Amino acid sequence: MRHSFYIQLATLLIRADLRREEKIWKQKIRRSQYDLPWHNVHLLKDIGLQADGRPIGNTVSDTVKADRQVRHIRRVLRLRIPT
């Protein structure tokens, strides 16, 4: 069964938004390098960050995030009561 054009478009736009947020996140890391001990992996781990600055334990990929958001949009649109 093929998904509707609007669902495919929503998935595409959500993935693009996730890529944009990823790019902004990387720019913020570059700007704030002097705030955190980036040279010491053990201190970062104590703070709760990985070596690249991401929180420890965040292992969900972008496609999984996009699929969840599309599923949520579908559920909201399906449950919307017509007025």
Protein backbone atom coordinates (compact mmCIF):
# COMPACT_ATOMS: atom_id res chain seq x y z
CA MET A 1 0.00 0.00 0.00
CA ARG A 2 1.39 3.41 -0.98
CA HIS A 3 1.31 6.31 1.40
CA SER A 4 -0.42 9.47 0.37
CA PHE A 5 1.53 12.32 -1.15
CA TYR A 6 0.97 14.47 1.93
CA ILE A 7 2.40 11.84 4.29
CA GLN A 8 5.47 11.48 2.05
CA LEU A 9 5.85 15.26 1.95
CA ALA A 10 5.52 15.47 5.74
CA THR A 11 8.21 12.82 6.16
CA LEU A 12 10.52 14.68 3.79
CA LEU A 13 10.01 17.99 5.59
CA ILE A 14 10.53 16.44 9.03
CA ARG A 15 13.78 14.81 7.91
CA ALA A 16 14.95 18.14 6.47
CA ASP A 17 14.11 19.83 9.78
CA LEU A 18 16.10 17.21 11.70
CA ARG A 19 19.10 17.78 9.40
CA ARG A 20 18.80 21.54 9.96
CA GLU A 21 18.71 21.06 13.74
CA GLU A 22 21.75 18.80 13.51
CA LYS A 23 23.66 21.47 11.59
CA ILE A 24 22.70 24.15 14.14
CA TRP A 25 23.77 21.83 16.98
CA LYS A 26 27.19 21.31 15.40
CA GLN A 27 27.64 25.07 14.99
CA LYS A 28 26.80 25.62 18.66
CA ILE A 29 29.39 23.04 19.68
CA ARG A 30 32.07 24.86 17.70
CA ARG A 31 31.15 28.17 19.33
CA SER A 32 31.14 26.82 22.88
CA GLN A 33 34.34 24.79 22.75
CA TYR A 34 36.01 26.91 25.39
CA ASP A 35 33.20 26.25 27.90
CA LEU A 36 33.64 22.47 28.19
CA PRO A 37 36.70 20.23 28.54
CA TRP A 38 36.55 18.82 25.00
CA HIS A 39 40.10 17.48 25.25
CA ASN A 40 39.24 15.11 28.12
CA VAL A 41 36.82 12.29 27.31
CA HIS A 42 36.60 11.20 30.96
CA LEU A 43 35.45 14.64 32.16
CA LEU A 44 32.87 14.76 29.37
CA LYS A 45 31.62 11.34 30.45
CA ASP A 46 31.33 12.59 34.05
CA ILE A 47 29.26 15.53 32.80
CA GLY A 48 27.07 13.12 30.81
CA LEU A 49 28.31 13.88 27.30
CA GLN A 50 29.90 11.81 24.60
CA ALA A 51 33.16 12.90 22.94
CA ASP A 52 31.24 14.79 20.23
CA GLY A 53 29.09 16.67 22.76
CA ARG A 54 25.90 14.64 22.49
CA PRO A 55 24.10 13.43 25.62
CA ILE A 56 24.94 9.86 26.63
CA GLY A 57 22.11 7.44 25.90
CA ASN A 58 20.55 9.27 22.95
CA THR A 59 20.76 6.50 20.33
CA VAL A 60 17.66 7.14 18.20
CA SER A 61 18.43 7.72 14.52
CA ASP A 62 16.90 10.52 12.45
CA THR A 63 14.73 8.13 10.44
CA VAL A 64 13.21 6.71 13.63
CA LYS A 65 12.50 10.24 14.91
CA ALA A 66 10.90 11.19 11.59
CA ASP A 67 8.77 8.04 11.54
CA ARG A 68 7.56 8.74 15.09
CA GLN A 69 6.65 12.31 14.23
CA VAL A 70 4.78 11.22 11.09
CA ARG A 71 2.93 8.57 13.13
CA HIS A 72 1.97 11.25 15.64
CA ILE A 73 0.75 13.59 12.86
CA ARG A 74 -1.35 10.77 11.39
CA ARG A 75 -2.86 10.02 14.79
CA VAL A 76 -3.70 13.65 15.45
CA LEU A 77 -5.25 14.14 12.02
CA ARG A 78 -7.24 10.92 12.29
CA LEU A 79 -8.62 11.85 15.72
CA ARG A 80 -9.47 15.42 14.80
CA ILE A 81 -13.22 15.95 15.14
CA PRO A 82 -14.77 17.76 12.13
CA THR A 83 -16.60 20.94 13.03
